[in-house]
Structures are given as C-alpha cells and as structure tokens.
C-alpha cells in the first residue's frame, strides 16, 4: 500500500486565499518551483478543493501553453 502524505499551503494567519479569492501569493520562485516538481513527480493522485481544482485546469492543455522546461 502506498503511503498517504498530506500537504497544504496556508498563510501565517491560516488563510489560503485573499478575501476576493486570489491565491497569487502562493506563486513560488524558480528554485522552490523545481523543489515542488521533484516532490510531486512520484505522486499517484491529487485531491483538490474546488478553488484549487479550477486554478489547476490550465494543466489540461499544458502541452499547448507551457513556457519553460520546468513547466
């Protein structure tokens, strides 16, 4: 059986989005982005809430829209 790993991104006050729903504060720099790629590469499944799922829909067409090797 595969291990279950729980991970979440929140601000210091415990919120994941601004009052208007913006999650732009979560955008990582290049080094942190590479780290997250290496951490998530072996993951077999992701469970997302509605807001994050909607933000991640861009990956359905990633082959046409990627702008760099890491992406």
Protein backbone atom coordinates (compact mmCIF):
# COMPACT_ATOMS: atom_id res chain seq x y z
CA UNK A 1 0.00 0.00 0.00
CA UNK A 2 1.27 3.46 -0.87
CA UNK A 3 1.81 5.99 1.93
CA UNK A 4 -0.64 8.88 2.28
CA UNK A 5 1.01 12.29 2.56
CA UNK A 6 -0.99 15.39 3.43
CA UNK A 7 0.26 18.80 2.38
CA UNK A 8 -1.34 22.24 2.33
CA UNK A 9 -0.29 25.82 1.68
CA UNK A 10 -1.60 28.49 4.02
CA UNK A 11 -0.53 31.96 5.03
CA UNK A 12 0.65 32.64 8.58
CA UNK A 13 -2.88 33.61 9.62
CA UNK A 14 -4.27 30.31 8.30
CA UNK A 15 -5.95 31.54 5.11
CA UNK A 16 -5.29 30.04 1.70
CA UNK A 17 -6.89 32.85 -0.32
CA UNK A 18 -7.40 36.60 -0.11
CA UNK A 19 -10.94 37.88 0.58
CA UNK A 20 -11.53 38.14 -3.19
CA UNK A 21 -10.40 34.52 -3.69
CA UNK A 22 -6.95 35.40 -5.10
CA UNK A 23 -4.25 32.79 -4.39
CA UNK A 24 -1.47 34.67 -6.20
CA UNK A 25 0.64 34.80 -3.03
CA UNK A 26 1.34 31.09 -3.49
CA UNK A 27 3.36 31.52 -6.70
CA UNK A 28 6.85 30.06 -5.96
CA UNK A 29 10.18 31.35 -7.24
CA UNK A 30 12.14 29.17 -9.70
CA UNK A 31 14.09 27.24 -7.04
CA UNK A 32 11.01 26.47 -4.96
CA UNK A 33 9.08 25.52 -8.11
CA UNK A 34 11.77 22.94 -9.02
CA UNK A 35 11.64 21.58 -5.44
CA UNK A 36 7.86 21.13 -5.64
CA UNK A 37 8.17 19.43 -9.03
CA UNK A 38 10.59 16.88 -7.59
CA UNK A 39 8.36 16.32 -4.56
CA UNK A 40 5.19 15.82 -6.60
CA UNK A 41 6.60 13.82 -9.52
CA UNK A 42 6.04 10.40 -7.84
CA UNK A 43 2.53 11.23 -6.57
CA UNK A 44 -0.13 8.91 -7.97
CA UNK A 45 -3.18 11.07 -7.14
CA UNK A 46 -4.05 14.60 -6.02
CA UNK A 47 -7.15 15.59 -4.06
CA UNK A 48 -8.01 19.27 -4.57
CA UNK A 49 -10.75 21.53 -3.29
CA UNK A 50 -12.97 23.30 -5.83
CA UNK A 51 -10.96 26.53 -5.94
CA UNK A 52 -7.59 24.88 -6.43
CA UNK A 53 -9.08 22.43 -8.93
CA UNK A 54 -10.36 25.34 -11.03
CA UNK A 55 -6.94 27.02 -10.88
CA UNK A 56 -5.24 23.78 -11.97
CA UNK A 57 -7.48 23.26 -15.03
CA UNK A 58 -4.78 25.03 -17.06
CA UNK A 59 -2.83 21.75 -16.99
CA UNK A 60 -5.46 20.05 -19.17
CA UNK A 61 -3.98 21.96 -22.12
CA UNK A 62 -0.42 22.27 -20.78
CA UNK A 63 1.15 20.82 -23.92
CA UNK A 64 -0.03 23.87 -25.86
CA UNK A 65 0.60 26.53 -23.20
CA UNK A 66 3.81 25.65 -21.31
CA UNK A 67 6.51 28.29 -21.41
CA UNK A 68 9.53 26.51 -19.97
CA UNK A 69 11.18 23.17 -19.33
CA UNK A 70 10.15 23.06 -15.64
CA UNK A 71 6.54 23.75 -16.51
